[in-house]
Amino acid sequence: MDELELFLTRVFDNVITPIVTVLFFLATALMLFGLVEYLAKSSEAEGRTEGRRHMFWGVMGLVIMFSAVALVNIICGFFDNQCTTFLRF
């Protein structure tokens, strides 16, 4: 069991955590891009709509990522208090 736990810890620390961190960054960048686009094209109805759409999907990405991290941390804490927490904030 110790080898499996060590393997899973390494996978989370070296693979999953960097991927999720990049996805957080991309969702934040998309949201900020939508905000800039909304403000820059505020005189055009189509530009505002596209900006709102980018902001919406950026926020949705952040909500999904935060929910996934919270769920993994809750499950990890429920089954074993000694396990490494996923994405330590």
Protein backbone atom coordinates (compact mmCIF):
# COMPACT_ATOMS: atom_id res chain seq x y z
CA MET A 1 0.00 0.00 0.00
CA ASP A 2 2.87 2.38 0.66
CA GLU A 3 4.15 2.08 -2.92
CA LEU A 4 0.71 2.84 -4.33
CA GLU A 5 0.32 5.85 -2.03
CA LEU A 6 3.78 7.10 -3.02
CA PHE A 7 2.95 6.65 -6.71
CA LEU A 8 -0.36 8.51 -6.41
CA THR A 9 1.31 11.31 -4.46
CA ARG A 10 3.91 11.71 -7.19
CA VAL A 11 1.26 11.68 -9.92
CA PHE A 12 -0.75 14.37 -8.16
CA ASP A 13 2.29 16.51 -7.36
CA ASN A 14 4.02 16.21 -10.75
CA VAL A 15 1.17 15.82 -13.25
CA ILE A 16 -2.28 16.73 -11.99
CA THR A 17 -1.41 19.81 -9.93
CA PRO A 18 0.48 21.59 -12.77
CA ILE A 19 -2.31 20.83 -15.24
CA VAL A 20 -4.98 22.20 -12.91
CA THR A 21 -2.85 25.26 -12.18
CA VAL A 22 -2.54 25.99 -15.91
CA LEU A 23 -6.31 25.54 -16.32
CA PHE A 24 -6.90 28.04 -13.50
CA PHE A 25 -4.61 30.48 -15.27
CA LEU A 26 -6.36 29.99 -18.62
CA ALA A 27 -9.82 30.48 -17.10
CA THR A 28 -8.67 33.68 -15.37
CA ALA A 29 -7.04 34.93 -18.57
CA LEU A 30 -10.23 34.21 -20.55
CA MET A 31 -12.31 36.10 -18.01
CA LEU A 32 -9.96 39.10 -18.08
CA PHE A 33 -9.82 39.00 -21.87
CA GLY A 34 -13.62 39.13 -21.94
CA LEU A 35 -13.61 42.10 -19.60
CA VAL A 36 -11.11 44.00 -21.74
CA GLU A 37 -13.01 43.07 -24.88
CA TYR A 38 -16.30 44.20 -23.31
CA LEU A 39 -14.82 47.56 -22.31
CA ALA A 40 -12.93 48.10 -25.58
CA LYS A 41 -15.92 47.31 -27.78
CA SER A 42 -18.59 48.87 -25.58
CA SER A 43 -19.96 50.89 -28.47
CA GLU A 44 -20.74 47.77 -30.54
CA ALA A 45 -23.53 45.40 -29.52
CA GLU A 46 -21.73 42.40 -31.02
CA GLY A 47 -18.49 43.26 -29.19
CA ARG A 48 -20.29 43.54 -25.85
CA THR A 49 -22.02 40.21 -26.42
CA GLU A 50 -18.77 38.48 -27.27
CA GLY A 51 -17.05 40.02 -24.25
CA ARG A 52 -19.86 38.87 -21.95
CA ARG A 53 -19.63 35.38 -23.42
CA HIS A 54 -15.89 35.20 -22.74
CA MET A 55 -16.37 36.48 -19.19
CA PHE A 56 -19.15 33.96 -18.59
CA TRP A 57 -17.08 30.97 -19.74
CA GLY A 58 -14.06 32.20 -17.80
CA VAL A 59 -16.10 32.39 -14.62
CA MET A 60 -17.66 28.99 -15.33
CA GLY A 61 -14.19 27.50 -15.78
CA LEU A 62 -13.07 28.95 -12.44
CA VAL A 63 -16.19 27.65 -10.68
CA ILE A 64 -15.70 24.17 -12.11
CA MET A 65 -12.01 24.11 -11.18
CA PHE A 66 -12.62 25.36 -7.63
CA SER A 67 -15.40 22.80 -7.20
CA ALA A 68 -13.22 19.97 -8.44
CA VAL A 69 -10.36 20.94 -6.13
CA ALA A 70 -12.71 21.27 -3.17
CA LEU A 71 -14.30 17.90 -3.89
CA VAL A 72 -10.95 16.14 -4.15
CA ASN A 73 -9.77 17.75 -0.90
CA ILE A 74 -12.99 16.75 0.90
CA ILE A 75 -12.75 13.15 -0.32
CA CYS A 76 -9.07 13.01 0.56
CA GLY A 77 -9.74 14.30 4.06
CA PHE A 78 -12.69 11.96 4.53
CA PHE A 79 -10.81 8.78 3.74
CA ASP A 80 -7.39 9.57 5.15
CA ASN A 81 -6.34 12.60 7.15
CA GLN A 82 -2.68 11.89 6.36
CA CYS A 83 -2.98 12.11 2.57
CA THR A 84 -1.51 15.04 0.70
CA THR A 85 -4.02 17.72 -0.14
CA PHE A 86 -4.61 18.49 -3.76
CA LEU A 87 -3.61 22.02 -4.78
CA ARG A 88 -2.72 23.58 -1.47
CA PHE A 89 -4.05 27.16 -1.42
